[in-house]
Amino acid sequence: MPLIAELLVDMYGLDDDEAPDPVQDIDLRIDLYLKQHQVWNPIEMLEFMFRLERAFQIRCSSEEWNKLFGRVLGRTEEEWIEEVGQYLTFRKLVDFIAERTTYISFQPVQVIDRECGPAGAFYGITELSNLLVPAACQITPSTRIIDAFRGDTLDQFWSELCWRNRQKIPDISRKWDSLFLSGCLLAVLGFLIGIPLSIATANILYLLTPCVSLYVCWKLYCLYHHHSDPLPPELQTFRDLAVWMSGLDGKQLLVEGVRK
């Protein structure tokens, strides 16, 4: 549900202060929630379906989506509410996704006759990598996370961990992202201004200069995005991550297991 809520905010710009939080009440009707925000549009649900598939890495046929959302041509709004809408809650959407996504457990496992949280978290991490987000190298507890995942792959891996875990995982951020993106936006603005100037003066430099600037800014951003390390200082190896995910109790169990 937290990831679904993020998708709604990103797609519609919803304000949680003005409507009930779907994370807290998953029995809310989807259409009533969106109508309360004045963003209900059955046609835009196609984009919402696409975002759900991409976020949860599921593949559904149009027939499955149409059955869930009741998208039938010629059906009136009243008929849709009577037959579909009154039953279409966030809980039903969550169940629909859960039936189709790959389940990965991060629960504690038995190590040296003791339940060990970090070991269970680490096994879940390796399973996630093997099934969904391939790592660039073999993952061991001492492996640095940045050596296994970089750039877009790291973002995808971190996103999967965040929505699959009940434990709060710190966000990752790159310090200079906004600077590079601002440079790209300025280059686009220069390109738009350069078009009429180039036509009016017959000087192609007004158009060529912002194009080159945009290309350079974008290439620099791609290189920075791939090679930068946005991870928190306390989460550098997969051992650090597994201990963090399991909590302090799991960390104590790991220490006791090593002593034995």
C-alpha atoms as a PDB file:
ATOM      1  CA  MET A   1       0.000   0.000   0.000  1.00  0.00           C
ATOM      2  CA  PRO A   2       2.750   2.584   0.676  1.00  0.00           C
ATOM      3  CA  LEU A   3       4.037   2.121  -2.881  1.00  0.00           C
ATOM      4  CA  ILE A   4       0.505   2.415  -4.330  1.00  0.00           C
ATOM      5  CA  ALA A   5       0.054   5.627  -2.337  1.00  0.00           C
ATOM      6  CA  GLU A   6       3.330   6.972  -3.780  1.00  0.00           C
ATOM      7  CA  LEU A   7       2.150   6.168  -7.304  1.00  0.00           C
ATOM      8  CA  LEU A   8      -1.121   8.025  -6.681  1.00  0.00           C
ATOM      9  CA  VAL A   9       0.733  11.072  -5.385  1.00  0.00           C
ATOM     10  CA  ASP A  10       3.156  10.992  -8.321  1.00  0.00           C
ATOM     11  CA  MET A  11       0.444  10.522 -10.941  1.00  0.00           C
ATOM     12  CA  TYR A  12      -2.293  12.788  -9.604  1.00  0.00           C
ATOM     13  CA  GLY A  13      -0.468  15.086  -7.184  1.00  0.00           C
ATOM     14  CA  LEU A  14      -2.752  14.049  -4.344  1.00  0.00           C
ATOM     15  CA  ASP A  15      -2.617  15.821  -1.012  1.00  0.00           C
ATOM     16  CA  ASP A  16      -2.862  13.470   1.948  1.00  0.00           C
ATOM     17  CA  ASP A  17      -4.058  16.334   4.162  1.00  0.00           C
ATOM     18  CA  GLU A  18      -7.261  16.706   2.177  1.00  0.00           C
ATOM     19  CA  ALA A  19      -8.428  13.084   1.984  1.00  0.00           C
ATOM     20  CA  PRO A  20      -8.187   9.848   3.990  1.00  0.00           C
ATOM     21  CA  ASP A  21      -4.884   8.016   3.781  1.00  0.00           C
ATOM     22  CA  PRO A  22      -5.380   4.781   1.782  1.00  0.00           C
ATOM     23  CA  VAL A  23      -2.436   3.243   3.627  1.00  0.00           C
ATOM     24  CA  GLN A  24      -4.366   3.449   6.898  1.00  0.00           C
ATOM     25  CA  ASP A  25      -7.693   2.247   5.481  1.00  0.00           C
ATOM     26  CA  ILE A  26      -7.344  -0.160   2.583  1.00  0.00           C
ATOM     27  CA  ASP A  27     -11.114  -0.755   2.544  1.00  0.00           C
ATOM     28  CA  LEU A  28     -11.602   2.658   0.923  1.00  0.00           C
ATOM     29  CA  ARG A  29     -13.294   2.597  -2.460  1.00  0.00           C
ATOM     30  CA  ILE A  30     -10.829   3.669  -5.152  1.00  0.00           C
ATOM     31  CA  ASP A  31     -13.295   5.734  -7.151  1.00  0.00           C
ATOM     32  CA  LEU A  32     -14.590   7.631  -4.097  1.00  0.00           C
ATOM     33  CA  TYR A  33     -11.040   8.368  -2.980  1.00  0.00           C
ATOM     34  CA  LEU A  34     -10.088   9.802  -6.394  1.00  0.00           C
ATOM     35  CA  LYS A  35     -13.400  11.662  -6.743  1.00  0.00           C
ATOM     36  CA  GLN A  36     -12.761  13.313  -3.388  1.00  0.00           C
ATOM     37  CA  HIS A  37      -9.517  14.628  -4.861  1.00  0.00           C
ATOM     38  CA  GLN A  38     -11.359  15.559  -8.081  1.00  0.00           C
ATOM     39  CA  VAL A  39      -9.016  13.479 -10.223  1.00  0.00           C
ATOM     40  CA  TRP A  40     -11.282  10.550 -11.090  1.00  0.00           C
ATOM     41  CA  ASN A  41     -11.010   9.727 -14.767  1.00  0.00           C
ATOM     42  CA  PRO A  42     -11.681   6.155 -15.954  1.00  0.00           C
ATOM     43  CA  ILE A  43      -9.598   6.750 -19.089  1.00  0.00           C
ATOM     44  CA  GLU A  44      -6.494   7.645 -17.058  1.00  0.00           C
ATOM     45  CA  MET A  45      -6.734   4.308 -15.261  1.00  0.00           C
ATOM     46  CA  LEU A  46      -4.828   2.876 -18.238  1.00  0.00           C
ATOM     47  CA  GLU A  47      -1.773   4.870 -17.179  1.00  0.00           C
ATOM     48  CA  PHE A  48      -2.332   3.791 -13.565  1.00  0.00           C
ATOM     49  CA  MET A  49      -2.356   0.133 -14.677  1.00  0.00           C
ATOM     50  CA  PHE A  50       0.905   0.644 -16.578  1.00  0.00           C
ATOM     51  CA  ARG A  51       2.551   2.258 -13.534  1.00  0.00           C
ATOM     52  CA  LEU A  52       1.397  -0.611 -11.308  1.00  0.00           C
ATOM     53  CA  GLU A  53       2.859  -3.200 -13.675  1.00  0.00           C
ATOM     54  CA  ARG A  54       6.181  -1.361 -13.823  1.00  0.00           C
ATOM     55  CA  ALA A  55       6.399  -0.696 -10.079  1.00  0.00           C
ATOM     56  CA  PHE A  56       5.534  -4.236  -8.958  1.00  0.00           C
ATOM     57  CA  GLN A  57       7.098  -5.967 -11.987  1.00  0.00           C
ATOM     58  CA  ILE A  58       3.930  -7.856 -12.890  1.00  0.00           C
ATOM     59  CA  ARG A  59       2.436  -8.624 -16.268  1.00  0.00           C
ATOM     60  CA  CYS A  60      -1.335  -8.747 -16.648  1.00  0.00           C
ATOM     61  CA  SER A  61      -3.475  -9.134 -19.737  1.00  0.00           C
ATOM     62  CA  SER A  62      -5.946  -6.412 -20.666  1.00  0.00           C
ATOM     63  CA  GLU A  63      -8.722  -8.891 -19.858  1.00  0.00           C
ATOM     64  CA  GLU A  64      -7.471  -9.198 -16.256  1.00  0.00           C
ATOM     65  CA  TRP A  65      -7.316  -5.424 -15.801  1.00  0.00           C
ATOM     66  CA  ASN A  66     -10.715  -4.945 -17.429  1.00  0.00           C
ATOM     67  CA  LYS A  67     -12.213  -7.543 -15.115  1.00  0.00           C
ATOM     68  CA  LEU A  68     -10.751  -5.803 -12.051  1.00  0.00           C
ATOM     69  CA  PHE A  69     -11.730  -2.253 -13.008  1.00  0.00           C
ATOM     70  CA  GLY A  70     -14.885  -3.202 -14.923  1.00  0.00           C
ATOM     71  CA  ARG A  71     -13.947  -1.289 -18.056  1.00  0.00           C
ATOM     72  CA  VAL A  72     -16.760  -2.142 -20.473  1.00  0.00           C
ATOM     73  CA  LEU A  73     -17.812   0.084 -23.351  1.00  0.00           C
ATOM     74  CA  GLY A  74     -21.377   1.352 -23.152  1.00  0.00           C
ATOM     75  CA  ARG A  75     -21.708   0.878 -19.388  1.00  0.00           C
ATOM     76  CA  THR A  76     -23.118   3.931 -17.623  1.00  0.00           C
ATOM     77  CA  GLU A  77     -21.576   5.411 -14.470  1.00  0.00           C
ATOM     78  CA  GLU A  78     -24.512   4.163 -12.387  1.00  0.00           C
ATOM     79  CA  GLU A  79     -24.202   0.643 -13.796  1.00  0.00           C
ATOM     80  CA  TRP A  80     -20.459   0.627 -13.161  1.00  0.00           C
ATOM     81  CA  ILE A  81     -20.923   1.686  -9.529  1.00  0.00           C
ATOM     82  CA  GLU A  82     -23.629  -0.914  -8.975  1.00  0.00           C
ATOM     83  CA  GLU A  83     -21.703  -3.795 -10.576  1.00  0.00           C
ATOM     84  CA  VAL A  84     -18.043  -2.874  -9.940  1.00  0.00           C
ATOM     85  CA  GLY A  85     -17.362   0.404  -8.154  1.00  0.00           C
ATOM     86  CA  GLN A  86     -18.895  -0.427  -4.776  1.00  0.00           C
ATOM     87  CA  TYR A  87     -16.614  -3.486  -4.531  1.00  0.00           C
ATOM     88  CA  LEU A  88     -13.452  -1.925  -5.980  1.00  0.00           C
ATOM     89  CA  THR A  89     -11.455  -1.099  -2.844  1.00  0.00           C
ATOM     90  CA  PHE A  90      -7.730  -0.687  -2.280  1.00  0.00           C
ATOM     91  CA  ARG A  91      -7.815  -4.067  -0.514  1.00  0.00           C
ATOM     92  CA  LYS A  92      -9.062  -5.700  -3.712  1.00  0.00           C
ATOM     93  CA  LEU A  93      -6.283  -4.001  -5.687  1.00  0.00           C
ATOM     94  CA  VAL A  94      -3.660  -5.123  -3.162  1.00  0.00           C
ATOM     95  CA  ASP A  95      -4.925  -8.725  -3.321  1.00  0.00           C
ATOM     96  CA  PHE A  96      -4.877  -8.560  -7.128  1.00  0.00           C
ATOM     97  CA  ILE A  97      -1.212  -7.464  -7.121  1.00  0.00           C
ATOM     98  CA  ALA A  98      -0.206  -9.909  -4.368  1.00  0.00           C
ATOM     99  CA  GLU A  99      -1.513 -12.849  -6.398  1.00  0.00           C
ATOM    100  CA  ARG A 100       0.730 -11.915  -9.326  1.00  0.00           C
ATOM    101  CA  THR A 101       3.945 -10.600  -7.810  1.00  0.00           C
ATOM    102  CA  THR A 102       6.891 -12.722  -6.718  1.00  0.00           C
ATOM    103  CA  TYR A 103       6.903 -13.318  -2.959  1.00  0.00           C
ATOM    104  CA  ILE A 104      10.295 -12.998  -1.267  1.00  0.00           C
ATOM    105  CA  SER A 105      10.730 -13.631   2.449  1.00  0.00           C
ATOM    106  CA  PHE A 106      13.043 -11.584   4.669  1.00  0.00           C
ATOM    107  CA  GLN A 107      11.933 -13.372   7.823  1.00  0.00           C
ATOM    108  CA  PRO A 108      14.447 -14.817  10.351  1.00  0.00           C
ATOM    109  CA  VAL A 109      15.900 -18.293   9.699  1.00  0.00           C
ATOM    110  CA  GLN A 110      17.538 -20.888  11.943  1.00  0.00           C
ATOM    111  CA  VAL A 111      21.334 -20.495  12.292  1.00  0.00           C
ATOM    112  CA  ILE A 112      23.239 -22.626  14.832  1.00  0.00           C
ATOM    113  CA  ASP A 113      19.947 -23.637  16.446  1.00  0.00           C
ATOM    114  CA  ARG A 114      19.003 -19.992  16.934  1.00  0.00           C
ATOM    115  CA  GLU A 115      16.640 -17.751  15.025  1.00  0.00           C
ATOM    116  CA  CYS A 116      18.714 -15.171  13.155  1.00  0.00           C
ATOM    117  CA  GLY A 117      17.099 -12.087  11.620  1.00  0.00           C
ATOM    118  CA  PRO A 118      20.104 -10.812   9.625  1.00  0.00           C
ATOM    119  CA  ALA A 119      20.576 -14.229   7.992  1.00  0.00           C
ATOM    120  CA  GLY A 120      16.924 -14.267   6.872  1.00  0.00           C
ATOM    121  CA  ALA A 121      17.230 -10.717   5.532  1.00  0.00           C
ATOM    122  CA  PHE A 122      20.420 -11.631   3.645  1.00  0.00           C
ATOM    123  CA  TYR A 123      18.797 -14.725   2.089  1.00  0.00           C
ATOM    124  CA  GLY A 124      15.909 -12.517   0.981  1.00  0.00           C
ATOM    125  CA  ILE A 125      18.315 -10.014  -0.554  1.00  0.00           C
ATOM    126  CA  THR A 126      20.096 -12.707  -2.563  1.00  0.00           C
ATOM    127  CA  GLU A 127      16.758 -14.161  -3.706  1.00  0.00           C
ATOM    128  CA  LEU A 128      15.624 -10.703  -4.785  1.00  0.00           C
ATOM    129  CA  SER A 129      18.813 -10.296  -6.816  1.00  0.00           C
ATOM    130  CA  ASN A 130      18.550 -13.731  -8.408  1.00  0.00           C
ATOM    131  CA  LEU A 131      14.899 -13.313  -9.408  1.00  0.00           C
ATOM    132  CA  LEU A 132      14.302  -9.631 -10.117  1.00  0.00           C
ATOM    133  CA  VAL A 133      17.347  -7.330  -9.994  1.00  0.00           C
ATOM    134  CA  PRO A 134      20.532  -9.082 -11.187  1.00  0.00           C
ATOM    135  CA  ALA A 135      23.716  -8.001  -9.404  1.00  0.00           C
ATOM    136  CA  ALA A 136      26.972  -7.212 -11.183  1.00  0.00           C
ATOM    137  CA  CYS A 137      28.891  -9.640  -8.953  1.00  0.00           C
ATOM    138  CA  GLN A 138      28.282 -12.477  -6.527  1.00  0.00           C
ATOM    139  CA  ILE A 139      26.686 -11.210  -3.328  1.00  0.00           C
ATOM    140  CA  THR A 140      28.283 -12.107  -0.001  1.00  0.00           C
ATOM    141  CA  PRO A 141      27.782 -10.428   3.391  1.00  0.00           C
ATOM    142  CA  SER A 142      31.061  -8.509   3.012  1.00  0.00           C
ATOM    143  CA  THR A 143      30.306  -7.365  -0.574  1.00  0.00           C
ATOM    144  CA  ARG A 144      29.878  -3.620  -0.931  1.00  0.00           C
ATOM    145  CA  ILE A 145      26.374  -2.791  -2.157  1.00  0.00           C
ATOM    146  CA  ILE A 146      27.726  -0.252  -4.642  1.00  0.00           C
ATOM    147  CA  ASP A 147      29.891  -2.965  -6.234  1.00  0.00           C
ATOM    148  CA  ALA A 148      26.792  -5.083  -6.968  1.00  0.00           C
ATOM    149  CA  PHE A 149      24.320  -2.347  -7.910  1.00  0.00           C
ATOM    150  CA  ARG A 150      24.890   1.037  -9.517  1.00  0.00           C
ATOM    151  CA  GLY A 151      22.821   3.748 -11.152  1.00  0.00           C
ATOM    152  CA  ASP A 152      19.353   2.708 -12.292  1.00  0.00           C
ATOM    153  CA  THR A 153      19.928  -0.848 -11.076  1.00  0.00           C
ATOM    154  CA  LEU A 154      20.645   0.423  -7.562  1.00  0.00           C
ATOM    155  CA  ASP A 155      17.501   2.559  -7.641  1.00  0.00           C
ATOM    156  CA  GLN A 156      15.435  -0.443  -8.748  1.00  0.00           C
ATOM    157  CA  PHE A 157      16.983  -2.713  -6.111  1.00  0.00           C
ATOM    158  CA  TRP A 158      16.405  -0.153  -3.341  1.00  0.00           C
ATOM    159  CA  SER A 159      12.820   0.462  -4.453  1.00  0.00           C
ATOM    160  CA  GLU A 160      12.094  -3.275  -4.328  1.00  0.00           C
ATOM    161  CA  LEU A 161      13.533  -3.494  -0.803  1.00  0.00           C
ATOM    162  CA  CYS A 162      11.510  -0.517   0.402  1.00  0.00           C
ATOM    163  CA  TRP A 163       8.078  -1.778  -0.597  1.00  0.00           C
ATOM    164  CA  ARG A 164       8.750  -5.422   0.278  1.00  0.00           C
ATOM    165  CA  ASN A 165       9.871  -4.726   3.849  1.00  0.00           C
ATOM    166  CA  ARG A 166       7.919  -3.610   6.850  1.00  0.00           C
ATOM    167  CA  GLN A 167      11.084  -2.162   8.390  1.00  0.00           C
ATOM    168  CA  LYS A 168      11.847   1.442   7.513  1.00  0.00           C
ATOM    169  CA  ILE A 169      14.763   1.601   5.076  1.00  0.00           C
ATOM    170  CA  PRO A 170      16.506   4.967   4.638  1.00  0.00           C
ATOM    171  CA  ASP A 171      16.035   6.738   1.340  1.00  0.00           C
ATOM    172  CA  ILE A 172      18.995   7.105  -0.979  1.00  0.00           C
ATOM    173  CA  SER A 173      19.774  10.433  -2.598  1.00  0.00           C
ATOM    174  CA  ARG A 174      22.495  11.919  -4.778  1.00  0.00           C
ATOM    175  CA  LYS A 175      23.672  15.385  -3.745  1.00  0.00           C
ATOM    176  CA  TRP A 176      24.151  16.804  -7.230  1.00  0.00           C
ATOM    177  CA  ASP A 177      21.071  15.381  -8.960  1.00  0.00           C
ATOM    178  CA  SER A 178      19.198  18.677  -8.791  1.00  0.00           C
ATOM    179  CA  LEU A 179      22.190  20.581 -10.171  1.00  0.00           C
ATOM    180  CA  PHE A 180      22.536  18.382 -13.266  1.00  0.00           C
ATOM    181  CA  LEU A 181      18.778  18.326 -13.872  1.00  0.00           C
ATOM    182  CA  SER A 182      18.661  22.121 -13.564  1.00  0.00           C
ATOM    183  CA  GLY A 183      21.400  22.332 -16.183  1.00  0.00           C
ATOM    184  CA  CYS A 184      19.373  20.116 -18.510  1.00  0.00           C
ATOM    185  CA  LEU A 185      16.260  22.265 -17.998  1.00  0.00           C
ATOM    186  CA  LEU A 186      18.227  25.432 -18.738  1.00  0.00           C
ATOM    187  CA  ALA A 187      19.574  23.822 -21.907  1.00  0.00           C
ATOM    188  CA  VAL A 188      16.023  22.904 -22.986  1.00  0.00           C
ATOM    189  CA  LEU A 189      14.911  26.475 -22.299  1.00  0.00           C
ATOM    190  CA  GLY A 190      17.852  27.771 -24.347  1.00  0.00           C
ATOM    191  CA  PHE A 191      16.851  25.414 -27.164  1.00  0.00           C
ATOM    192  CA  LEU A 192      13.285  26.764 -27.182  1.00  0.00           C
ATOM    193  CA  ILE A 193      14.542  30.344 -27.220  1.00  0.00           C
ATOM    194  CA  GLY A 194      17.170  29.507 -29.829  1.00  0.00           C
ATOM    195  CA  ILE A 195      14.633  28.273 -32.393  1.00  0.00           C
ATOM    196  CA  PRO A 196      13.048  31.685 -33.144  1.00  0.00           C
ATOM    197  CA  LEU A 197      16.428  33.459 -32.772  1.00  0.00           C
ATOM    198  CA  SER A 198      18.029  31.084 -35.254  1.00  0.00           C
ATOM    199  CA  ILE A 199      15.198  31.651 -37.732  1.00  0.00           C
ATOM    200  CA  ALA A 200      15.207  35.421 -37.268  1.00  0.00           C
ATOM    201  CA  THR A 201      18.986  35.851 -37.581  1.00  0.00           C
ATOM    202  CA  ALA A 202      19.739  32.904 -39.882  1.00  0.00           C
ATOM    203  CA  ASN A 203      22.451  31.954 -37.392  1.00  0.00           C
ATOM    204  CA  ILE A 204      22.422  28.258 -36.559  1.00  0.00           C
ATOM    205  CA  LEU A 205      24.644  28.811 -33.505  1.00  0.00           C
ATOM    206  CA  TYR A 206      21.609  29.981 -31.511  1.00  0.00           C
ATOM    207  CA  LEU A 207      20.151  26.504 -32.020  1.00  0.00           C
ATOM    208  CA  LEU A 208      23.341  24.455 -31.999  1.00  0.00           C
ATOM    209  CA  THR A 209      24.748  25.820 -28.710  1.00  0.00           C
ATOM    210  CA  PRO A 210      21.835  24.752 -26.455  1.00  0.00           C
ATOM    211  CA  CYS A 211      21.681  21.360 -28.217  1.00  0.00           C
ATOM    212  CA  VAL A 212      25.346  20.707 -27.435  1.00  0.00           C
ATOM    213  CA  SER A 213      24.853  21.984 -23.870  1.00  0.00           C
ATOM    214  CA  LEU A 214      21.874  19.666 -23.362  1.00  0.00           C
ATOM    215  CA  TYR A 215      23.809  16.674 -24.663  1.00  0.00           C
ATOM    216  CA  VAL A 216      26.821  17.433 -22.448  1.00  0.00           C
ATOM    217  CA  CYS A 217      24.675  17.985 -19.345  1.00  0.00           C
ATOM    218  CA  TRP A 218      22.768  14.767 -19.948  1.00  0.00           C
ATOM    219  CA  LYS A 219      25.920  12.694 -20.496  1.00  0.00           C
ATOM    220  CA  LEU A 220      27.505  14.151 -17.349  1.00  0.00           C
ATOM    221  CA  TYR A 221      24.334  13.378 -15.391  1.00  0.00           C
ATOM    222  CA  CYS A 222      24.283   9.779 -16.658  1.00  0.00           C
ATOM    223  CA  LEU A 223      27.928   9.297 -15.663  1.00  0.00           C
ATOM    224  CA  TYR A 224      27.356  10.857 -12.241  1.00  0.00           C
ATOM    225  CA  HIS A 225      24.169   8.814 -11.693  1.00  0.00           C
ATOM    226  CA  HIS A 226      25.999   5.590 -12.496  1.00  0.00           C
ATOM    227  CA  HIS A 227      29.252   6.160 -10.593  1.00  0.00           C
ATOM    228  CA  SER A 228      28.029   8.085  -7.522  1.00  0.00           C
ATOM    229  CA  ASP A 229      27.397   6.382  -4.183  1.00  0.00           C
ATOM    230  CA  PRO A 230      24.076   7.599  -2.701  1.00  0.00           C
ATOM    231  CA  LEU A 231      24.036   5.018   0.114  1.00  0.00           C
ATOM    232  CA  PRO A 232      23.994   6.127   3.770  1.00  0.00           C
ATOM    233  CA  PRO A 233      27.414   5.788   5.495  1.00  0.00           C
ATOM    234  CA  GLU A 234      26.063   3.137   7.846  1.00  0.00           C
ATOM    235  CA  LEU A 235      24.824   0.938   4.975  1.00  0.00           C
ATOM    236  CA  GLN A 236      27.830   0.087   2.819  1.00  0.00           C
ATOM    237  CA  THR A 237      27.878  -3.738   2.757  1.00  0.00           C
ATOM    238  CA  PHE A 238      25.131  -6.320   2.516  1.00  0.00           C
ATOM    239  CA  ARG A 239      25.912  -7.313   6.111  1.00  0.00           C
ATOM    240  CA  ASP A 240      25.122  -3.742   7.189  1.00  0.00           C
ATOM    241  CA  LEU A 241      21.898  -3.826   5.206  1.00  0.00           C
ATOM    242  CA  ALA A 242      20.794  -7.226   6.543  1.00  0.00           C
ATOM    243  CA  VAL A 243      21.432  -6.176  10.154  1.00  0.00           C
ATOM    244  CA  TRP A 244      19.559  -2.903   9.598  1.00  0.00           C
ATOM    245  CA  MET A 245      16.566  -4.701   8.071  1.00  0.00           C
ATOM    246  CA  SER A 246      16.373  -7.216  10.915  1.00  0.00           C
ATOM    247  CA  GLY A 247      16.538  -4.600  13.679  1.00  0.00           C
ATOM    248  CA  LEU A 248      18.623  -4.429  16.852  1.00  0.00           C
ATOM    249  CA  ASP A 249      17.354  -7.783  18.155  1.00  0.00           C
ATOM    250  CA  GLY A 250      18.572  -9.486  15.000  1.00  0.00           C
ATOM    251  CA  LYS A 251      21.949  -7.767  15.341  1.00  0.00           C
ATOM    252  CA  GLN A 252      22.363  -9.130  18.864  1.00  0.00           C
ATOM    253  CA  LEU A 253      21.491 -12.643  17.648  1.00  0.00           C
ATOM    254  CA  LEU A 254      24.104 -12.354  14.882  1.00  0.00           C
ATOM    255  CA  VAL A 255      26.779 -11.357  17.427  1.00  0.00           C
ATOM    256  CA  GLU A 256      25.853 -14.286  19.663  1.00  0.00           C
ATOM    257  CA  GLY A 257      25.968 -16.682  16.699  1.00  0.00           C
ATOM    258  CA  VAL A 258      29.456 -15.485  15.717  1.00  0.00           C
ATOM    259  CA  ARG A 259      30.697 -15.947  19.286  1.00  0.00           C
ATOM    260  CA  LYS A 260      29.458 -19.535  19.280  1.00  0.00           C
END
